[in-house]
Amino acid sequence: MKPIVPVATLLLMVLSACAPPAPKVRGADLFARHCTSCHGRGGAGGGPQATDLAVPPANLKLLSERNGGVFPFEDVIVQVHGYTGRSAFGMMPEFGREMSGPMVDYVAASGEVIPTPQGLIDLARYLESIQQ
Protein backbone atom coordinates (compact mmCIF):
# COMPACT_ATOMS: atom_id res chain seq x y z
CA MET A 1 0.00 0.00 0.00
CA LYS A 2 2.86 2.41 0.60
CA PRO A 3 3.71 2.76 -3.13
CA ILE A 4 0.25 4.27 -3.73
CA VAL A 5 0.97 7.30 -1.56
CA PRO A 6 3.91 8.59 -3.67
CA VAL A 7 1.99 7.93 -6.89
CA ALA A 8 -1.10 9.74 -5.57
CA THR A 9 1.04 12.66 -4.40
CA LEU A 10 2.73 12.87 -7.79
CA LEU A 11 -0.63 12.74 -9.54
CA LEU A 12 -1.99 15.59 -7.39
CA MET A 13 1.10 17.67 -8.11
CA VAL A 14 0.71 17.16 -11.86
CA LEU A 15 -3.00 17.98 -11.77
CA SER A 16 -2.46 21.10 -9.67
CA ALA A 17 0.13 22.32 -12.17
CA CYS A 18 -2.49 22.02 -14.92
CA ALA A 19 -5.15 23.93 -12.97
CA PRO A 20 -5.81 27.52 -14.04
CA PRO A 21 -4.33 30.18 -11.76
CA ALA A 22 -6.48 31.55 -8.97
CA PRO A 23 -8.60 34.62 -9.86
CA LYS A 24 -6.38 36.95 -7.81
CA VAL A 25 -3.33 35.78 -9.76
CA ARG A 26 -5.08 36.18 -13.12
CA GLY A 27 -6.48 39.55 -12.03
CA ALA A 28 -3.05 40.72 -10.89
CA ASP A 29 -1.58 39.66 -14.22
CA LEU A 30 -4.27 41.53 -16.17
CA PHE A 31 -3.70 44.58 -13.98
CA ALA A 32 0.06 44.43 -14.59
CA ARG A 33 -0.42 44.17 -18.35
CA HIS A 34 -3.20 46.70 -18.86
CA CYS A 35 -3.41 49.10 -15.93
CA THR A 36 -0.03 49.87 -14.41
CA SER A 37 1.05 52.30 -17.11
CA CYS A 38 -1.56 54.76 -15.83
CA HIS A 39 -2.56 53.56 -12.36
CA GLY A 40 0.92 52.47 -11.22
CA ARG A 41 2.09 49.12 -9.92
CA GLY A 42 0.23 49.47 -6.64
CA GLY A 43 -2.92 50.96 -8.15
CA ALA A 44 -2.63 54.34 -6.44
CA GLY A 45 -2.14 56.28 -9.69
CA GLY A 46 1.16 57.73 -10.80
CA GLY A 47 2.05 55.22 -13.48
CA PRO A 48 4.57 56.26 -16.15
CA GLN A 49 1.86 57.58 -18.49
CA ALA A 50 -0.20 59.32 -15.78
CA THR A 51 1.34 62.74 -16.38
CA ASP A 52 0.41 62.57 -20.07
CA LEU A 53 -3.31 62.26 -19.33
CA ALA A 54 -5.76 65.16 -19.19
CA VAL A 55 -7.45 63.59 -16.16
CA PRO A 56 -5.22 61.94 -13.54
CA PRO A 57 -5.92 58.22 -13.12
CA ALA A 58 -7.92 57.26 -10.05
CA ASN A 59 -6.35 55.79 -6.95
CA LEU A 60 -7.85 52.32 -7.29
CA LYS A 61 -6.94 51.44 -3.70
CA LEU A 62 -9.58 53.86 -2.43
CA LEU A 63 -12.62 52.68 -4.38
CA SER A 64 -14.27 51.12 -1.33
CA GLU A 65 -13.52 54.13 0.85
CA ARG A 66 -15.12 56.44 -1.71
CA ASN A 67 -18.17 54.17 -1.81
CA GLY A 68 -19.03 54.11 1.89
CA GLY A 69 -16.77 51.17 2.66
CA VAL A 70 -18.30 48.88 0.04
CA PHE A 71 -16.36 47.84 -3.04
CA PRO A 72 -18.40 48.97 -6.10
CA PHE A 73 -17.91 45.70 -8.00
CA GLU A 74 -20.46 46.36 -10.75
CA ASP A 75 -19.30 49.94 -11.30
CA VAL A 76 -15.73 48.68 -11.66
CA ILE A 77 -16.78 46.10 -14.23
CA VAL A 78 -18.65 48.72 -16.25
CA GLN A 79 -15.77 51.22 -16.07
CA VAL A 80 -13.09 48.71 -17.02
CA HIS A 81 -15.04 47.08 -19.83
CA GLY A 82 -15.71 50.45 -21.43
CA TYR A 83 -18.37 51.81 -23.66
CA THR A 84 -18.59 51.96 -27.43
CA GLY A 85 -17.07 55.15 -28.71
CA ARG A 86 -15.06 56.09 -25.61
CA SER A 87 -11.47 57.07 -26.10
CA ALA A 88 -8.35 57.44 -23.98
CA PHE A 89 -8.53 61.24 -23.96
CA GLY A 90 -8.91 61.71 -20.23
CA MET A 91 -10.89 58.50 -19.89
CA MET A 92 -9.98 54.86 -19.72
CA PRO A 93 -9.49 53.08 -23.03
CA GLU A 94 -11.87 50.30 -23.95
CA PHE A 95 -10.77 46.92 -22.67
CA GLY A 96 -13.61 44.82 -24.02
CA ARG A 97 -11.41 42.87 -26.42
CA GLU A 98 -8.59 42.37 -23.92
CA MET A 99 -11.02 41.14 -21.28
CA SER A 100 -12.83 38.77 -23.63
CA GLY A 101 -12.49 35.06 -23.27
CA PRO A 102 -14.42 32.45 -21.40
CA MET A 103 -17.76 33.84 -20.30
CA VAL A 104 -19.21 33.25 -16.84
CA ASP A 105 -22.60 34.10 -15.43
CA TYR A 106 -22.30 37.14 -13.18
CA VAL A 107 -25.30 37.68 -10.92
CA ALA A 108 -25.83 41.43 -10.54
CA ALA A 109 -27.19 43.02 -7.37
CA SER A 110 -30.54 43.25 -9.17
CA GLY A 111 -30.56 39.46 -9.57
CA GLU A 112 -30.02 39.69 -13.32
CA VAL A 113 -27.65 37.08 -14.71
CA ILE A 114 -25.19 38.72 -17.08
CA PRO A 115 -22.70 36.75 -19.20
CA THR A 116 -19.38 38.42 -18.37
CA PRO A 117 -15.80 37.69 -19.44
CA GLN A 118 -13.95 35.75 -16.73
CA GLY A 119 -10.95 38.09 -17.08
CA LEU A 120 -13.10 41.08 -16.23
CA ILE A 121 -14.38 39.36 -13.08
CA ASP A 122 -10.84 38.36 -12.13
CA LEU A 123 -9.56 41.92 -12.56
CA ALA A 124 -12.39 43.36 -10.47
CA ARG A 125 -11.71 40.78 -7.73
CA TYR A 126 -8.05 41.74 -7.77
CA LEU A 127 -8.93 45.41 -7.40
CA GLU A 128 -11.22 44.49 -4.51
CA SER A 129 -8.27 42.71 -2.86
CA ILE A 130 -6.05 45.84 -2.90
CA GLN A 131 -8.50 48.14 -1.14
CA GLN A 132 -7.15 50.07 1.88
C-alpha atoms as a PDB file:
ATOM      1  CA  MET A   1       0.000   0.000   0.000  1.00  0.00           C
ATOM      2  CA  LYS A   2       2.857   2.409   0.600  1.00  0.00           C
ATOM      3  CA  PRO A   3       3.707   2.763  -3.131  1.00  0.00           C
ATOM      4  CA  ILE A   4       0.248   4.267  -3.729  1.00  0.00           C
ATOM      5  CA  VAL A   5       0.975   7.300  -1.565  1.00  0.00           C
ATOM      6  CA  PRO A   6       3.915   8.594  -3.671  1.00  0.00           C
ATOM      7  CA  VAL A   7       1.994   7.933  -6.886  1.00  0.00           C
ATOM      8  CA  ALA A   8      -1.096   9.739  -5.572  1.00  0.00           C
ATOM      9  CA  THR A   9       1.041  12.655  -4.400  1.00  0.00           C
ATOM     10  CA  LEU A  10       2.732  12.875  -7.786  1.00  0.00           C
ATOM     11  CA  LEU A  11      -0.629  12.738  -9.543  1.00  0.00           C
ATOM     12  CA  LEU A  12      -1.991  15.587  -7.388  1.00  0.00           C
ATOM     13  CA  MET A  13       1.105  17.668  -8.105  1.00  0.00           C
ATOM     14  CA  VAL A  14       0.715  17.156 -11.857  1.00  0.00           C
ATOM     15  CA  LEU A  15      -2.997  17.984 -11.769  1.00  0.00           C
ATOM     16  CA  SER A  16      -2.457  21.103  -9.673  1.00  0.00           C
ATOM     17  CA  ALA A  17       0.133  22.324 -12.167  1.00  0.00           C
ATOM     18  CA  CYS A  18      -2.494  22.025 -14.917  1.00  0.00           C
ATOM     19  CA  ALA A  19      -5.150  23.930 -12.972  1.00  0.00           C
ATOM     20  CA  PRO A  20      -5.807  27.518 -14.036  1.00  0.00           C
ATOM     21  CA  PRO A  21      -4.333  30.179 -11.761  1.00  0.00           C
ATOM     22  CA  ALA A  22      -6.485  31.548  -8.967  1.00  0.00           C
ATOM     23  CA  PRO A  23      -8.596  34.615  -9.865  1.00  0.00           C
ATOM     24  CA  LYS A  24      -6.384  36.955  -7.811  1.00  0.00           C
ATOM     25  CA  VAL A  25      -3.334  35.778  -9.756  1.00  0.00           C
ATOM     26  CA  ARG A  26      -5.080  36.182 -13.116  1.00  0.00           C
ATOM     27  CA  GLY A  27      -6.476  39.546 -12.032  1.00  0.00           C
ATOM     28  CA  ALA A  28      -3.048  40.722 -10.894  1.00  0.00           C
ATOM     29  CA  ASP A  29      -1.576  39.659 -14.225  1.00  0.00           C
ATOM     30  CA  LEU A  30      -4.267  41.530 -16.171  1.00  0.00           C
ATOM     31  CA  PHE A  31      -3.700  44.582 -13.981  1.00  0.00           C
ATOM     32  CA  ALA A  32       0.059  44.427 -14.586  1.00  0.00           C
ATOM     33  CA  ARG A  33      -0.422  44.167 -18.354  1.00  0.00           C
ATOM     34  CA  HIS A  34      -3.200  46.705 -18.863  1.00  0.00           C
ATOM     35  CA  CYS A  35      -3.412  49.099 -15.930  1.00  0.00           C
ATOM     36  CA  THR A  36      -0.026  49.873 -14.414  1.00  0.00           C
ATOM     37  CA  SER A  37       1.054  52.302 -17.112  1.00  0.00           C
ATOM     38  CA  CYS A  38      -1.564  54.763 -15.829  1.00  0.00           C
ATOM     39  CA  HIS A  39      -2.557  53.555 -12.356  1.00  0.00           C
ATOM     40  CA  GLY A  40       0.918  52.472 -11.223  1.00  0.00           C
ATOM     41  CA  ARG A  41       2.092  49.119  -9.921  1.00  0.00           C
ATOM     42  CA  GLY A  42       0.234  49.474  -6.636  1.00  0.00           C
ATOM     43  CA  GLY A  43      -2.923  50.955  -8.153  1.00  0.00           C
ATOM     44  CA  ALA A  44      -2.634  54.345  -6.437  1.00  0.00           C
ATOM     45  CA  GLY A  45      -2.139  56.280  -9.689  1.00  0.00           C
ATOM     46  CA  GLY A  46       1.155  57.729 -10.797  1.00  0.00           C
ATOM     47  CA  GLY A  47       2.048  55.215 -13.484  1.00  0.00           C
ATOM     48  CA  PRO A  48       4.575  56.259 -16.150  1.00  0.00           C
ATOM     49  CA  GLN A  49       1.861  57.583 -18.494  1.00  0.00           C
ATOM     50  CA  ALA A  50      -0.202  59.316 -15.778  1.00  0.00           C
ATOM     51  CA  THR A  51       1.338  62.738 -16.377  1.00  0.00           C
ATOM     52  CA  ASP A  52       0.407  62.571 -20.071  1.00  0.00           C
ATOM     53  CA  LEU A  53      -3.310  62.256 -19.329  1.00  0.00           C
ATOM     54  CA  ALA A  54      -5.756  65.163 -19.193  1.00  0.00           C
ATOM     55  CA  VAL A  55      -7.454  63.591 -16.165  1.00  0.00           C
ATOM     56  CA  PRO A  56      -5.222  61.939 -13.543  1.00  0.00           C
ATOM     57  CA  PRO A  57      -5.920  58.221 -13.125  1.00  0.00           C
ATOM     58  CA  ALA A  58      -7.918  57.257 -10.047  1.00  0.00           C
ATOM     59  CA  ASN A  59      -6.351  55.787  -6.947  1.00  0.00           C
ATOM     60  CA  LEU A  60      -7.845  52.323  -7.287  1.00  0.00           C
ATOM     61  CA  LYS A  61      -6.938  51.439  -3.704  1.00  0.00           C
ATOM     62  CA  LEU A  62      -9.580  53.858  -2.425  1.00  0.00           C
ATOM     63  CA  LEU A  63     -12.618  52.684  -4.378  1.00  0.00           C
ATOM     64  CA  SER A  64     -14.268  51.122  -1.328  1.00  0.00           C
ATOM     65  CA  GLU A  65     -13.518  54.132   0.845  1.00  0.00           C
ATOM     66  CA  ARG A  66     -15.120  56.443  -1.709  1.00  0.00           C
ATOM     67  CA  ASN A  67     -18.173  54.171  -1.808  1.00  0.00           C
ATOM     68  CA  GLY A  68     -19.030  54.110   1.886  1.00  0.00           C
ATOM     69  CA  GLY A  69     -16.766  51.166   2.664  1.00  0.00           C
ATOM     70  CA  VAL A  70     -18.299  48.875   0.044  1.00  0.00           C
ATOM     71  CA  PHE A  71     -16.362  47.843  -3.039  1.00  0.00           C
ATOM     72  CA  PRO A  72     -18.395  48.972  -6.100  1.00  0.00           C
ATOM     73  CA  PHE A  73     -17.912  45.699  -8.003  1.00  0.00           C
ATOM     74  CA  GLU A  74     -20.457  46.355 -10.749  1.00  0.00           C
ATOM     75  CA  ASP A  75     -19.304  49.945 -11.296  1.00  0.00           C
ATOM     76  CA  VAL A  76     -15.731  48.685 -11.656  1.00  0.00           C
ATOM     77  CA  ILE A  77     -16.778  46.101 -14.235  1.00  0.00           C
ATOM     78  CA  VAL A  78     -18.650  48.723 -16.252  1.00  0.00           C
ATOM     79  CA  GLN A  79     -15.774  51.218 -16.066  1.00  0.00           C
ATOM     80  CA  VAL A  80     -13.090  48.707 -17.016  1.00  0.00           C
ATOM     81  CA  HIS A  81     -15.044  47.078 -19.826  1.00  0.00           C
ATOM     82  CA  GLY A  82     -15.712  50.449 -21.427  1.00  0.00           C
ATOM     83  CA  TYR A  83     -18.374  51.812 -23.659  1.00  0.00           C
ATOM     84  CA  THR A  84     -18.587  51.955 -27.429  1.00  0.00           C
ATOM     85  CA  GLY A  85     -17.066  55.146 -28.708  1.00  0.00           C
ATOM     86  CA  ARG A  86     -15.061  56.092 -25.611  1.00  0.00           C
ATOM     87  CA  SER A  87     -11.469  57.070 -26.105  1.00  0.00           C
ATOM     88  CA  ALA A  88      -8.353  57.444 -23.978  1.00  0.00           C
ATOM     89  CA  PHE A  89      -8.526  61.243 -23.961  1.00  0.00           C
ATOM     90  CA  GLY A  90      -8.912  61.711 -20.227  1.00  0.00           C
ATOM     91  CA  MET A  91     -10.890  58.495 -19.886  1.00  0.00           C
ATOM     92  CA  MET A  92      -9.977  54.856 -19.724  1.00  0.00           C
ATOM     93  CA  PRO A  93      -9.487  53.083 -23.028  1.00  0.00           C
ATOM     94  CA  GLU A  94     -11.871  50.304 -23.949  1.00  0.00           C
ATOM     95  CA  PHE A  95     -10.769  46.923 -22.665  1.00  0.00           C
ATOM     96  CA  GLY A  96     -13.608  44.817 -24.021  1.00  0.00           C
ATOM     97  CA  ARG A  97     -11.408  42.867 -26.417  1.00  0.00           C
ATOM     98  CA  GLU A  98      -8.595  42.370 -23.916  1.00  0.00           C
ATOM     99  CA  MET A  99     -11.022  41.142 -21.282  1.00  0.00           C
ATOM    100  CA  SER A 100     -12.829  38.773 -23.627  1.00  0.00           C
ATOM    101  CA  GLY A 101     -12.488  35.060 -23.271  1.00  0.00           C
ATOM    102  CA  PRO A 102     -14.422  32.449 -21.403  1.00  0.00           C
ATOM    103  CA  MET A 103     -17.762  33.841 -20.296  1.00  0.00           C
ATOM    104  CA  VAL A 104     -19.206  33.250 -16.845  1.00  0.00           C
ATOM    105  CA  ASP A 105     -22.601  34.095 -15.425  1.00  0.00           C
ATOM    106  CA  TYR A 106     -22.301  37.143 -13.180  1.00  0.00           C
ATOM    107  CA  VAL A 107     -25.298  37.684 -10.924  1.00  0.00           C
ATOM    108  CA  ALA A 108     -25.831  41.433 -10.542  1.00  0.00           C
ATOM    109  CA  ALA A 109     -27.193  43.021  -7.371  1.00  0.00           C
ATOM    110  CA  SER A 110     -30.539  43.246  -9.166  1.00  0.00           C
ATOM    111  CA  GLY A 111     -30.560  39.461  -9.569  1.00  0.00           C
ATOM    112  CA  GLU A 112     -30.022  39.692 -13.315  1.00  0.00           C
ATOM    113  CA  VAL A 113     -27.647  37.079 -14.705  1.00  0.00           C
ATOM    114  CA  ILE A 114     -25.190  38.723 -17.081  1.00  0.00           C
ATOM    115  CA  PRO A 115     -22.697  36.751 -19.195  1.00  0.00           C
ATOM    116  CA  THR A 116     -19.381  38.416 -18.368  1.00  0.00           C
ATOM    117  CA  PRO A 117     -15.797  37.689 -19.440  1.00  0.00           C
ATOM    118  CA  GLN A 118     -13.947  35.751 -16.732  1.00  0.00           C
ATOM    119  CA  GLY A 119     -10.949  38.091 -17.078  1.00  0.00           C
ATOM    120  CA  LEU A 120     -13.102  41.082 -16.231  1.00  0.00           C
ATOM    121  CA  ILE A 121     -14.385  39.362 -13.084  1.00  0.00           C
ATOM    122  CA  ASP A 122     -10.838  38.360 -12.130  1.00  0.00           C
ATOM    123  CA  LEU A 123      -9.560  41.920 -12.565  1.00  0.00           C
ATOM    124  CA  ALA A 124     -12.385  43.360 -10.467  1.00  0.00           C
ATOM    125  CA  ARG A 125     -11.714  40.776  -7.735  1.00  0.00           C
ATOM    126  CA  TYR A 126      -8.047  41.744  -7.773  1.00  0.00           C
ATOM    127  CA  LEU A 127      -8.929  45.410  -7.399  1.00  0.00           C
ATOM    128  CA  GLU A 128     -11.219  44.494  -4.512  1.00  0.00           C
ATOM    129  CA  SER A 129      -8.271  42.713  -2.862  1.00  0.00           C
ATOM    130  CA  ILE A 130      -6.047  45.839  -2.900  1.00  0.00           C
ATOM    131  CA  GLN A 131      -8.495  48.144  -1.139  1.00  0.00           C
ATOM    132  CA  GLN A 132      -7.153  50.067   1.875  1.00  0.00           C
END
